[in-house]
Amino acid sequence: MFTYIYDWIKNLVFYLILMTMLMQIIPDSDYKKYIRFFTGLVLILLLARPVLGVFQLEGEFENLYHSMEYRQNVKEMERAREQFESAEEGYFEWQQDMASESSEGRENADEK
């Protein structure tokens, strides 16, 4: 138990030192507020980790993340399938147009 708390505090201190160094290195810019926001979110997650561990919710959040990631991958695959099907239809139409043009060209050549 004490090793868990010690490791947690060690991770927090390392993260805070790393973020302080990063904020000192970055020049004053518009991006600094976004970096501060993102690092704050990560800090909240680091602080909430022991609480989630006590209530055994870490696995639930991981499952939720993976299910959302899975749904996003499925949507991307469906979008890619639709694009492929539309490209395939366009190719078949182009192929038919080329075939009809070549047959018209043959008929015109035969007439001459």
PDB file of N, CA and C in Angstrom:
ATOM      1  N   MET A   1       0.823  -1.197   0.000  1.00  0.00           N
ATOM      2  CA  MET A   1       0.000   0.000   0.000  1.00  0.00           C
ATOM      3  C   MET A   1       0.863   1.255   0.000  1.00  0.00           C
ATOM      4  N   PHE A   2       1.891   1.248   0.869  1.00  0.00           N
ATOM      5  CA  PHE A   2       2.751   2.425   0.935  1.00  0.00           C
ATOM      6  C   PHE A   2       3.585   2.578  -0.329  1.00  0.00           C
ATOM      7  N   THR A   3       3.946   1.470  -0.952  1.00  0.00           N
ATOM      8  CA  THR A   3       4.700   1.574  -2.202  1.00  0.00           C
ATOM      9  C   THR A   3       3.832   2.163  -3.309  1.00  0.00           C
ATOM     10  N   TYR A   4       2.545   1.838  -3.293  1.00  0.00           N
ATOM     11  CA  TYR A   4       1.623   2.406  -4.279  1.00  0.00           C
ATOM     12  C   TYR A   4       1.529   3.925  -4.099  1.00  0.00           C
ATOM     13  N   ILE A   5       1.377   4.362  -2.856  1.00  0.00           N
ATOM     14  CA  ILE A   5       1.283   5.799  -2.576  1.00  0.00           C
ATOM     15  C   ILE A   5       2.606   6.480  -2.922  1.00  0.00           C
ATOM     16  N   TYR A   6       3.709   5.847  -2.573  1.00  0.00           N
ATOM     17  CA  TYR A   6       5.019   6.411  -2.879  1.00  0.00           C
ATOM     18  C   TYR A   6       5.208   6.545  -4.391  1.00  0.00           C
ATOM     19  N   ASP A   7       4.856   5.522  -5.144  1.00  0.00           N
ATOM     20  CA  ASP A   7       4.972   5.579  -6.606  1.00  0.00           C
ATOM     21  C   ASP A   7       4.061   6.651  -7.189  1.00  0.00           C
ATOM     22  N   TRP A   8       2.876   6.780  -6.639  1.00  0.00           N
ATOM     23  CA  TRP A   8       1.924   7.791  -7.119  1.00  0.00           C
ATOM     24  C   TRP A   8       2.472   9.193  -6.889  1.00  0.00           C
ATOM     25  N   ILE A   9       3.006   9.439  -5.697  1.00  0.00           N
ATOM     26  CA  ILE A   9       3.573  10.757  -5.392  1.00  0.00           C
ATOM     27  C   ILE A   9       4.806  11.009  -6.251  1.00  0.00           C
ATOM     28  N   LYS A  10       5.625   9.991  -6.455  1.00  0.00           N
ATOM     29  CA  LYS A  10       6.810  10.130  -7.301  1.00  0.00           C
ATOM     30  C   LYS A  10       6.404  10.486  -8.731  1.00  0.00           C
ATOM     31  N   ASN A  11       5.375   9.856  -9.267  1.00  0.00           N
ATOM     32  CA  ASN A  11       4.884  10.165 -10.611  1.00  0.00           C
ATOM     33  C   ASN A  11       4.351  11.589 -10.693  1.00  0.00           C
ATOM     34  N   LEU A  12       3.623  12.024  -9.667  1.00  0.00           N
ATOM     35  CA  LEU A  12       3.102  13.389  -9.653  1.00  0.00           C
ATOM     36  C   LEU A  12       4.230  14.416  -9.634  1.00  0.00           C
ATOM     37  N   VAL A  13       5.222  14.190  -8.792  1.00  0.00           N
ATOM     38  CA  VAL A  13       6.344  15.125  -8.702  1.00  0.00           C
ATOM     39  C   VAL A  13       7.099  15.168 -10.026  1.00  0.00           C
ATOM     40  N   PHE A  14       7.361  14.009 -10.618  1.00  0.00           N
ATOM     41  CA  PHE A  14       8.045  13.971 -11.901  1.00  0.00           C
ATOM     42  C   PHE A  14       7.244  14.718 -12.965  1.00  0.00           C
ATOM     43  N   TYR A  15       5.945  14.506 -12.997  1.00  0.00           N
ATOM     44  CA  TYR A  15       5.088  15.185 -13.973  1.00  0.00           C
ATOM     45  C   TYR A  15       5.105  16.694 -13.764  1.00  0.00           C
ATOM     46  N   LEU A  16       4.995  17.133 -12.516  1.00  0.00           N
ATOM     47  CA  LEU A  16       4.987  18.571 -12.235  1.00  0.00           C
ATOM     48  C   LEU A  16       6.320  19.218 -12.601  1.00  0.00           C
ATOM     49  N   ILE A  17       7.425  18.546 -12.315  1.00  0.00           N
ATOM     50  CA  ILE A  17       8.731  19.089 -12.688  1.00  0.00           C
ATOM     51  C   ILE A  17       8.865  19.163 -14.210  1.00  0.00           C
ATOM     52  N   LEU A  18       8.446  18.120 -14.882  1.00  0.00           N
ATOM     53  CA  LEU A  18       8.519  18.086 -16.339  1.00  0.00           C
ATOM     54  C   LEU A  18       7.663  19.197 -16.953  1.00  0.00           C
ATOM     55  N   MET A  19       6.465  19.389 -16.451  1.00  0.00           N
ATOM     56  CA  MET A  19       5.587  20.431 -16.992  1.00  0.00           C
ATOM     57  C   MET A  19       6.119  21.828 -16.684  1.00  0.00           C
ATOM     58  N   THR A  20       6.717  22.014 -15.513  1.00  0.00           N
ATOM     59  CA  THR A  20       7.307  23.313 -15.184  1.00  0.00           C
ATOM     60  C   THR A  20       8.462  23.622 -16.132  1.00  0.00           C
ATOM     61  N   MET A  21       9.284  22.630 -16.399  1.00  0.00           N
ATOM     62  CA  MET A  21      10.384  22.833 -17.345  1.00  0.00           C
ATOM     63  C   MET A  21       9.849  23.147 -18.738  1.00  0.00           C
ATOM     64  N   LEU A  22       8.827  22.431 -19.158  1.00  0.00           N
ATOM     65  CA  LEU A  22       8.240  22.660 -20.475  1.00  0.00           C
ATOM     66  C   LEU A  22       7.665  24.065 -20.587  1.00  0.00           C
ATOM     67  N   MET A  23       6.979  24.511 -19.562  1.00  0.00           N
ATOM     68  CA  MET A  23       6.370  25.846 -19.593  1.00  0.00           C
ATOM     69  C   MET A  23       7.434  26.946 -19.591  1.00  0.00           C
ATOM     70  N   GLN A  24       8.585  26.676 -18.990  1.00  0.00           N
ATOM     71  CA  GLN A  24       9.667  27.658 -18.995  1.00  0.00           C
ATOM     72  C   GLN A  24      10.378  27.705 -20.346  1.00  0.00           C
ATOM     73  N   ILE A  25      10.426  26.573 -21.028  1.00  0.00           N
ATOM     74  CA  ILE A  25      11.108  26.508 -22.324  1.00  0.00           C
ATOM     75  C   ILE A  25      10.282  27.169 -23.416  1.00  0.00           C
ATOM     76  N   ILE A  26       8.965  26.986 -23.355  1.00  0.00           N
ATOM     77  CA  ILE A  26       8.075  27.512 -24.402  1.00  0.00           C
ATOM     78  C   ILE A  26       8.020  29.034 -24.293  1.00  0.00           C
ATOM     79  N   PRO A  27       8.253  29.730 -25.400  1.00  0.00           N
ATOM     80  CA  PRO A  27       8.138  31.190 -25.358  1.00  0.00           C
ATOM     81  C   PRO A  27       6.672  31.603 -25.201  1.00  0.00           C
ATOM     82  N   ASP A  28       6.473  32.836 -24.792  1.00  0.00           N
ATOM     83  CA  ASP A  28       5.098  33.331 -24.656  1.00  0.00           C
ATOM     84  C   ASP A  28       4.434  33.319 -26.021  1.00  0.00           C
ATOM     85  N   SER A  29       3.381  32.536 -26.127  1.00  0.00           N
ATOM     86  CA  SER A  29       2.663  32.424 -27.389  1.00  0.00           C
ATOM     87  C   SER A  29       1.214  32.071 -27.105  1.00  0.00           C
ATOM     88  N   ASP A  30       0.459  32.020 -28.168  1.00  0.00           N
ATOM     89  CA  ASP A  30      -0.959  31.653 -28.038  1.00  0.00           C
ATOM     90  C   ASP A  30      -1.118  30.186 -27.672  1.00  0.00           C
ATOM     91  N   TYR A  31      -0.128  29.363 -27.984  1.00  0.00           N
ATOM     92  CA  TYR A  31      -0.207  27.931 -27.706  1.00  0.00           C
ATOM     93  C   TYR A  31      -0.035  27.612 -26.226  1.00  0.00           C
ATOM     94  N   LYS A  32       0.524  28.542 -25.479  1.00  0.00           N
ATOM     95  CA  LYS A  32       0.814  28.272 -24.069  1.00  0.00           C
ATOM     96  C   LYS A  32      -0.469  27.967 -23.290  1.00  0.00           C
ATOM     97  N   LYS A  33      -1.564  28.663 -23.608  1.00  0.00           N
ATOM     98  CA  LYS A  33      -2.814  28.401 -22.887  1.00  0.00           C
ATOM     99  C   LYS A  33      -3.366  27.017 -23.206  1.00  0.00           C
ATOM    100  N   TYR A  34      -3.164  26.544 -24.447  1.00  0.00           N
ATOM    101  CA  TYR A  34      -3.622  25.206 -24.804  1.00  0.00           C
ATOM    102  C   TYR A  34      -2.783  24.137 -24.123  1.00  0.00           C
ATOM    103  N   ILE A  35      -1.490  24.390 -24.048  1.00  0.00           N
ATOM    104  CA  ILE A  35      -0.600  23.446 -23.370  1.00  0.00           C
ATOM    105  C   ILE A  35      -0.943  23.390 -21.890  1.00  0.00           C
ATOM    106  N   ARG A  36      -1.217  24.537 -21.299  1.00  0.00           N
ATOM    107  CA  ARG A  36      -1.594  24.584 -19.890  1.00  0.00           C
ATOM    108  C   ARG A  36      -2.909  23.833 -19.652  1.00  0.00           C
ATOM    109  N   PHE A  37      -3.860  23.986 -20.573  1.00  0.00           N
ATOM    110  CA  PHE A  37      -5.140  23.276 -20.462  1.00  0.00           C
ATOM    111  C   PHE A  37      -4.932  21.768 -20.531  1.00  0.00           C
ATOM    112  N   PHE A  38      -4.159  21.321 -21.526  1.00  0.00           N
ATOM    113  CA  PHE A  38      -3.911  19.891 -21.697  1.00  0.00           C
ATOM    114  C   PHE A  38      -3.175  19.319 -20.496  1.00  0.00           C
ATOM    115  N   THR A  39      -2.148  20.002 -20.022  1.00  0.00           N
ATOM    116  CA  THR A  39      -1.404  19.501 -18.866  1.00  0.00           C
ATOM    117  C   THR A  39      -2.280  19.469 -17.621  1.00  0.00           C
ATOM    118  N   GLY A  40      -3.213  20.407 -17.515  1.00  0.00           N
ATOM    119  CA  GLY A  40      -4.156  20.379 -16.398  1.00  0.00           C
ATOM    120  C   GLY A  40      -5.055  19.156 -16.442  1.00  0.00           C
ATOM    121  N   LEU A  41      -5.498  18.795 -17.645  1.00  0.00           N
ATOM    122  CA  LEU A  41      -6.324  17.587 -17.782  1.00  0.00           C
ATOM    123  C   LEU A  41      -5.541  16.331 -17.396  1.00  0.00           C
ATOM    124  N   VAL A  42      -4.303  16.269 -17.823  1.00  0.00           N
ATOM    125  CA  VAL A  42      -3.476  15.112 -17.471  1.00  0.00           C
ATOM    126  C   VAL A  42      -3.245  15.073 -15.965  1.00  0.00           C
ATOM    127  N   LEU A  43      -3.030  16.239 -15.354  1.00  0.00           N
ATOM    128  CA  LEU A  43      -2.839  16.300 -13.904  1.00  0.00           C
ATOM    129  C   LEU A  43      -4.088  15.815 -13.169  1.00  0.00           C
ATOM    130  N   ILE A  44      -5.252  16.188 -13.655  1.00  0.00           N
ATOM    131  CA  ILE A  44      -6.504  15.715 -13.043  1.00  0.00           C
ATOM    132  C   ILE A  44      -6.584  14.189 -13.116  1.00  0.00           C
ATOM    133  N   LEU A  45      -6.209  13.631 -14.261  1.00  0.00           N
ATOM    134  CA  LEU A  45      -6.219  12.169 -14.399  1.00  0.00           C
ATOM    135  C   LEU A  45      -5.224  11.512 -13.453  1.00  0.00           C
ATOM    136  N   LEU A  46      -4.055  12.128 -13.306  1.00  0.00           N
ATOM    137  CA  LEU A  46      -3.060  11.574 -12.378  1.00  0.00           C
ATOM    138  C   LEU A  46      -3.548  11.639 -10.932  1.00  0.00           C
ATOM    139  N   LEU A  47      -4.231  12.720 -10.591  1.00  0.00           N
ATOM    140  CA  LEU A  47      -4.748  12.856  -9.235  1.00  0.00           C
ATOM    141  C   LEU A  47      -5.919  11.913  -8.971  1.00  0.00           C
ATOM    142  N   ALA A  48      -6.693  11.633  -9.997  1.00  0.00           N
ATOM    143  CA  ALA A  48      -7.880  10.793  -9.820  1.00  0.00           C
ATOM    144  C   ALA A  48      -7.565   9.302  -9.850  1.00  0.00           C
ATOM    145  N   ARG A  49      -6.370   8.948 -10.277  1.00  0.00           N
ATOM    146  CA  ARG A  49      -6.040   7.534 -10.425  1.00  0.00           C
ATOM    147  C   ARG A  49      -6.198   6.724  -9.132  1.00  0.00           C
ATOM    148  N   PRO A  50      -5.726   7.192  -7.969  1.00  0.00           N
ATOM    149  CA  PRO A  50      -5.926   6.382  -6.751  1.00  0.00           C
ATOM    150  C   PRO A  50      -7.398   6.225  -6.376  1.00  0.00           C
ATOM    151  N   VAL A  51      -8.177   7.286  -6.610  1.00  0.00           N
ATOM    152  CA  VAL A  51      -9.611   7.210  -6.297  1.00  0.00           C
ATOM    153  C   VAL A  51     -10.277   6.174  -7.190  1.00  0.00           C
ATOM    154  N   LEU A  52      -9.912   6.179  -8.464  1.00  0.00           N
ATOM    155  CA  LEU A  52     -10.475   5.191  -9.387  1.00  0.00           C
ATOM    156  C   LEU A  52     -10.025   3.783  -9.015  1.00  0.00           C
ATOM    157  N   GLY A  53      -8.796   3.672  -8.527  1.00  0.00           N
ATOM    158  CA  GLY A  53      -8.296   2.362  -8.114  1.00  0.00           C
ATOM    159  C   GLY A  53      -9.032   1.828  -6.905  1.00  0.00           C
ATOM    160  N   VAL A  54      -9.402   2.710  -5.967  1.00  0.00           N
ATOM    161  CA  VAL A  54     -10.130   2.280  -4.774  1.00  0.00           C
ATOM    162  C   VAL A  54     -11.501   1.740  -5.158  1.00  0.00           C
ATOM    163  N   PHE A  55     -12.167   2.430  -6.069  1.00  0.00           N
ATOM    164  CA  PHE A  55     -13.501   2.004  -6.483  1.00  0.00           C
ATOM    165  C   PHE A  55     -13.471   1.042  -7.667  1.00  0.00           C
ATOM    166  N   GLN A  56     -12.277   0.643  -8.070  1.00  0.00           N
ATOM    167  CA  GLN A  56     -12.071  -0.301  -9.169  1.00  0.00           C
ATOM    168  C   GLN A  56     -12.769   0.145 -10.452  1.00  0.00           C
ATOM    169  N   LEU A  57     -12.611   1.430 -10.766  1.00  0.00           N
ATOM    170  CA  LEU A  57     -13.231   1.980 -11.965  1.00  0.00           C
ATOM    171  C   LEU A  57     -12.249   2.127 -13.121  1.00  0.00           C
ATOM    172  N   GLU A  58     -10.963   1.836 -12.880  1.00  0.00           N
ATOM    173  CA  GLU A  58      -9.981   1.972 -13.952  1.00  0.00           C
ATOM    174  C   GLU A  58     -10.328   1.065 -15.130  1.00  0.00           C
ATOM    175  N   GLY A  59     -10.734  -0.155 -14.838  1.00  0.00           N
ATOM    176  CA  GLY A  59     -11.114  -1.094 -15.895  1.00  0.00           C
ATOM    177  C   GLY A  59     -12.334  -0.627 -16.656  1.00  0.00           C
ATOM    178  N   GLU A  60     -13.268  -0.001 -15.945  1.00  0.00           N
ATOM    179  CA  GLU A  60     -14.477   0.505 -16.600  1.00  0.00           C
ATOM    180  C   GLU A  60     -14.138   1.620 -17.601  1.00  0.00           C
ATOM    181  N   PHE A  61     -13.256   2.528 -17.194  1.00  0.00           N
ATOM    182  CA  PHE A  61     -12.864   3.609 -18.099  1.00  0.00           C
ATOM    183  C   PHE A  61     -12.085   3.076 -19.296  1.00  0.00           C
ATOM    184  N   GLU A  62     -11.272   2.063 -19.071  1.00  0.00           N
ATOM    185  CA  GLU A  62     -10.530   1.462 -20.172  1.00  0.00           C
ATOM    186  C   GLU A  62     -11.483   0.779 -21.142  1.00  0.00           C
ATOM    187  N   ASN A  63     -12.464   0.062 -20.630  1.00  0.00           N
ATOM    188  CA  ASN A  63     -13.458  -0.583 -21.499  1.00  0.00           C
ATOM    189  C   ASN A  63     -14.269   0.455 -22.266  1.00  0.00           C
ATOM    190  N   LEU A  64     -14.629   1.542 -21.598  1.00  0.00           N
ATOM    191  CA  LEU A  64     -15.377   2.612 -22.256  1.00  0.00           C
ATOM    192  C   LEU A  64     -14.551   3.218 -23.377  1.00  0.00           C
ATOM    193  N   TYR A  65     -13.279   3.468 -23.109  1.00  0.00           N
ATOM    194  CA  TYR A  65     -12.397   4.037 -24.136  1.00  0.00           C
ATOM    195  C   TYR A  65     -12.289   3.096 -25.323  1.00  0.00           C
ATOM    196  N   HIS A  66     -12.070   1.813 -25.053  1.00  0.00           N
ATOM    197  CA  HIS A  66     -11.920   0.861 -26.152  1.00  0.00           C
ATOM    198  C   HIS A  66     -13.212   0.700 -26.945  1.00  0.00           C
ATOM    199  N   SER A  67     -14.363   0.771 -26.289  1.00  0.00           N
ATOM    200  CA  SER A  67     -15.620   0.659 -27.027  1.00  0.00           C
ATOM    201  C   SER A  67     -15.839   1.884 -27.903  1.00  0.00           C
ATOM    202  N   MET A  68     -15.482   3.063 -27.395  1.00  0.00           N
ATOM    203  CA  MET A  68     -15.615   4.278 -28.206  1.00  0.00           C
ATOM    204  C   MET A  68     -14.636   4.243 -29.370  1.00  0.00           C
ATOM    205  N   GLU A  69     -13.423   3.760 -29.136  1.00  0.00           N
ATOM    206  CA  GLU A  69     -12.433   3.641 -30.191  1.00  0.00           C
ATOM    207  C   GLU A  69     -12.911   2.644 -31.250  1.00  0.00           C
ATOM    208  N   TYR A  70     -13.515   1.545 -30.797  1.00  0.00           N
ATOM    209  CA  TYR A  70     -14.036   0.536 -31.723  1.00  0.00           C
ATOM    210  C   TYR A  70     -15.138   1.135 -32.600  1.00  0.00           C
ATOM    211  N   ARG A  71     -16.049   1.877 -31.973  1.00  0.00           N
ATOM    212  CA  ARG A  71     -17.136   2.491 -32.750  1.00  0.00           C
ATOM    213  C   ARG A  71     -16.594   3.473 -33.781  1.00  0.00           C
ATOM    214  N   GLN A  72     -15.583   4.234 -33.398  1.00  0.00           N
ATOM    215  CA  GLN A  72     -14.990   5.184 -34.332  1.00  0.00           C
ATOM    216  C   GLN A  72     -14.325   4.445 -35.494  1.00  0.00           C
ATOM    217  N   ASN A  73     -13.640   3.351 -35.206  1.00  0.00           N
ATOM    218  CA  ASN A  73     -13.016   2.565 -36.271  1.00  0.00           C
ATOM    219  C   ASN A  73     -14.059   1.981 -37.209  1.00  0.00           C
ATOM    220  N   VAL A  74     -15.176   1.524 -36.663  1.00  0.00           N
ATOM    221  CA  VAL A  74     -16.244   0.977 -37.498  1.00  0.00           C
ATOM    222  C   VAL A  74     -16.803   2.065 -38.420  1.00  0.00           C
ATOM    223  N   LYS A  75     -17.008   3.276 -37.880  1.00  0.00           N
ATOM    224  CA  LYS A  75     -17.505   4.373 -38.716  1.00  0.00           C
ATOM    225  C   LYS A  75     -16.529   4.710 -39.825  1.00  0.00           C
ATOM    226  N   GLU A  76     -15.244   4.728 -39.519  1.00  0.00           N
ATOM    227  CA  GLU A  76     -14.240   5.019 -40.538  1.00  0.00           C
ATOM    228  C   GLU A  76     -14.218   3.941 -41.616  1.00  0.00           C
ATOM    229  N   MET A  77     -14.375   2.683 -41.213  1.00  0.00           N
ATOM    230  CA  MET A  77     -14.396   1.595 -42.192  1.00  0.00           C
ATOM    231  C   MET A  77     -15.647   1.684 -43.068  1.00  0.00           C
ATOM    232  N   GLU A  78     -16.786   2.050 -42.492  1.00  0.00           N
ATOM    233  CA  GLU A  78     -18.007   2.197 -43.285  1.00  0.00           C
ATOM    234  C   GLU A  78     -17.860   3.345 -44.276  1.00  0.00           C
ATOM    235  N   ARG A  79     -17.256   4.446 -43.834  1.00  0.00           N
ATOM    236  CA  ARG A  79     -17.032   5.581 -44.722  1.00  0.00           C
ATOM    237  C   ARG A  79     -16.100   5.178 -45.872  1.00  0.00           C
ATOM    238  N   ALA A  80     -15.056   4.429 -45.559  1.00  0.00           N
ATOM    239  CA  ALA A  80     -14.121   3.978 -46.593  1.00  0.00           C
ATOM    240  C   ALA A  80     -14.811   3.027 -47.566  1.00  0.00           C
ATOM    241  N   ARG A  81     -15.691   2.161 -47.051  1.00  0.00           N
ATOM    242  CA  ARG A  81     -16.427   1.239 -47.916  1.00  0.00           C
ATOM    243  C   ARG A  81     -17.333   2.001 -48.865  1.00  0.00           C
ATOM    244  N   GLU A  82     -18.015   3.029 -48.349  1.00  0.00           N
ATOM    245  CA  GLU A  82     -18.895   3.833 -49.202  1.00  0.00           C
ATOM    246  C   GLU A  82     -18.097   4.549 -50.281  1.00  0.00           C
ATOM    247  N   GLN A  83     -16.934   5.075 -49.926  1.00  0.00           N
ATOM    248  CA  GLN A  83     -16.097   5.744 -50.916  1.00  0.00           C
ATOM    249  C   GLN A  83     -15.613   4.758 -51.964  1.00  0.00           C
ATOM    250  N   PHE A  84     -15.249   3.560 -51.531  1.00  0.00           N
ATOM    251  CA  PHE A  84     -14.798   2.544 -52.469  1.00  0.00           C
ATOM    252  C   PHE A  84     -15.920   2.155 -53.410  1.00  0.00           C
ATOM    253  N   GLU A  85     -17.132   1.977 -52.870  1.00  0.00           N
ATOM    254  CA  GLU A  85     -18.260   1.589 -53.716  1.00  0.00           C
ATOM    255  C   GLU A  85     -18.588   2.684 -54.723  1.00  0.00           C
ATOM    256  N   SER A  86     -18.544   3.948 -54.306  1.00  0.00           N
ATOM    257  CA  SER A  86     -18.830   5.029 -55.249  1.00  0.00           C
ATOM    258  C   SER A  86     -17.734   5.117 -56.311  1.00  0.00           C
ATOM    259  N   ALA A  87     -16.484   4.891 -55.914  1.00  0.00           N
ATOM    260  CA  ALA A  87     -15.396   4.887 -56.895  1.00  0.00           C
ATOM    261  C   ALA A  87     -15.555   3.716 -57.858  1.00  0.00           C
ATOM    262  N   GLU A  88     -15.987   2.586 -57.340  1.00  0.00           N
ATOM    263  CA  GLU A  88     -16.192   1.403 -58.187  1.00  0.00           C
ATOM    264  C   GLU A  88     -17.309   1.662 -59.185  1.00  0.00           C
ATOM    265  N   GLU A  89     -18.410   2.280 -58.732  1.00  0.00           N
ATOM    266  CA  GLU A  89     -19.516   2.606 -59.634  1.00  0.00           C
ATOM    267  C   GLU A  89     -19.054   3.580 -60.713  1.00  0.00           C
ATOM    268  N   GLY A  90     -18.268   4.567 -60.300  1.00  0.00           N
ATOM    269  CA  GLY A  90     -17.736   5.524 -61.274  1.00  0.00           C
ATOM    270  C   GLY A  90     -16.838   4.850 -62.294  1.00  0.00           C
ATOM    271  N   TYR A  91     -16.064   3.884 -61.849  1.00  0.00           N
ATOM    272  CA  TYR A  91     -15.193   3.158 -62.772  1.00  0.00           C
ATOM    273  C   TYR A  91     -16.018   2.347 -63.765  1.00  0.00           C
ATOM    274  N   PHE A  92     -17.057   1.675 -63.278  1.00  0.00           N
ATOM    275  CA  PHE A  92     -17.899   0.880 -64.178  1.00  0.00           C
ATOM    276  C   PHE A  92     -18.610   1.786 -65.191  1.00  0.00           C
ATOM    277  N   GLU A  93     -19.073   2.951 -64.743  1.00  0.00           N
ATOM    278  CA  GLU A  93     -19.713   3.885 -65.679  1.00  0.00           C
ATOM    279  C   GLU A  93     -18.707   4.370 -66.714  1.00  0.00           C
ATOM    280  N   TRP A  94     -17.493   4.674 -66.274  1.00  0.00           N
ATOM    281  CA  TRP A  94     -16.448   5.110 -67.195  1.00  0.00           C
ATOM    282  C   TRP A  94     -16.125   4.011 -68.194  1.00  0.00           C
ATOM    283  N   GLN A  95     -16.071   2.768 -67.696  1.00  0.00           N
ATOM    284  CA  GLN A  95     -15.769   1.629 -68.563  1.00  0.00           C
ATOM    285  C   GLN A  95     -16.873   1.458 -69.611  1.00  0.00           C
ATOM    286  N   GLN A  96     -18.135   1.628 -69.214  1.00  0.00           N
ATOM    287  CA  GLN A  96     -19.247   1.512 -70.157  1.00  0.00           C
ATOM    288  C   GLN A  96     -19.212   2.649 -71.174  1.00  0.00           C
ATOM    289  N   ASP A  97     -18.882   3.858 -70.697  1.00  0.00           N
ATOM    290  CA  ASP A  97     -18.775   4.991 -71.619  1.00  0.00           C
ATOM    291  C   ASP A  97     -17.668   4.761 -72.637  1.00  0.00           C
ATOM    292  N   MET A  98     -16.545   4.238 -72.187  1.00  0.00           N
ATOM    293  CA  MET A  98     -15.431   3.972 -73.096  1.00  0.00           C
ATOM    294  C   MET A  98     -15.813   2.892 -74.107  1.00  0.00           C
ATOM    295  N   ALA A  99     -16.543   1.884 -73.632  1.00  0.00           N
ATOM    296  CA  ALA A  99     -16.966   0.814 -74.532  1.00  0.00           C
ATOM    297  C   ALA A  99     -17.955   1.349 -75.562  1.00  0.00           C
ATOM    298  N   SER A 100     -18.870   2.192 -75.126  1.00  0.00           N
ATOM    299  CA  SER A 100     -19.853   2.730 -76.081  1.00  0.00           C
ATOM    300  C   SER A 100     -19.182   3.692 -77.054  1.00  0.00           C
ATOM    301  N   GLU A 101     -18.199   4.462 -76.584  1.00  0.00           N
ATOM    302  CA  GLU A 101     -17.481   5.362 -77.484  1.00  0.00           C
ATOM    303  C   GLU A 101     -16.677   4.581 -78.520  1.00  0.00           C
ATOM    304  N   SER A 102     -16.064   3.504 -78.079  1.00  0.00           N
ATOM    305  CA  SER A 102     -15.273   2.711 -79.036  1.00  0.00           C
ATOM    306  C   SER A 102     -16.184   2.023 -80.050  1.00  0.00           C
ATOM    307  N   SER A 103     -17.370   1.583 -79.615  1.00  0.00           N
ATOM    308  CA  SER A 103     -18.285   0.953 -80.570  1.00  0.00           C
ATOM    309  C   SER A 103     -18.847   1.998 -81.529  1.00  0.00           C
ATOM    310  N   GLU A 104     -19.096   3.232 -81.053  1.00  0.00           N
ATOM    311  CA  GLU A 104     -19.546   4.302 -81.943  1.00  0.00           C
ATOM    312  C   GLU A 104     -18.450   4.671 -82.932  1.00  0.00           C
ATOM    313  N   GLY A 105     -17.213   4.656 -82.436  1.00  0.00           N
ATOM    314  CA  GLY A 105     -16.082   4.952 -83.319  1.00  0.00           C
ATOM    315  C   GLY A 105     -15.934   3.905 -84.400  1.00  0.00           C
ATOM    316  N   ARG A 106     -16.190   2.647 -84.066  1.00  0.00           N
ATOM    317  CA  ARG A 106     -16.112   1.577 -85.056  1.00  0.00           C
ATOM    318  C   ARG A 106     -17.217   1.725 -86.091  1.00  0.00           C
ATOM    319  N   GLU A 107     -18.429   2.088 -85.613  1.00  0.00           N
ATOM    320  CA  GLU A 107     -19.553   2.247 -86.532  1.00  0.00           C
ATOM    321  C   GLU A 107     -19.279   3.401 -87.484  1.00  0.00           C
ATOM    322  N   ASN A 108     -18.722   4.501 -86.969  1.00  0.00           N
ATOM    323  CA  ASN A 108     -18.393   5.640 -87.841  1.00  0.00           C
ATOM    324  C   ASN A 108     -17.314   5.270 -88.836  1.00  0.00           C
ATOM    325  N   ALA A 109     -16.356   4.465 -88.397  1.00  0.00           N
ATOM    326  CA  ALA A 109     -15.279   4.036 -89.296  1.00  0.00           C
ATOM    327  C   ALA A 109     -15.815   3.097 -90.368  1.00  0.00           C
ATOM    328  N   ASP A 110     -16.770   2.247 -89.991  1.00  0.00           N
ATOM    329  CA  ASP A 110     -17.356   1.327 -90.955  1.00  0.00           C
ATOM    330  C   ASP A 110     -18.190   2.079 -91.988  1.00  0.00           C
ATOM    331  N   GLU A 111     -18.861   3.156 -91.568  1.00  0.00           N
ATOM    332  CA  GLU A 111     -19.689   3.945 -92.476  1.00  0.00           C
ATOM    333  C   GLU A 111     -18.858   4.680 -93.494  1.00  0.00           C
ATOM    334  N   LYS A 112     -17.640   5.062 -93.121  1.00  0.00           N
ATOM    335  CA  LYS A 112     -16.775   5.807 -94.038  1.00  0.00           C
ATOM    336  C   LYS A 112     -16.152   4.840 -94.977  1.00  0.00           C
TER     337      LYS A 112
END
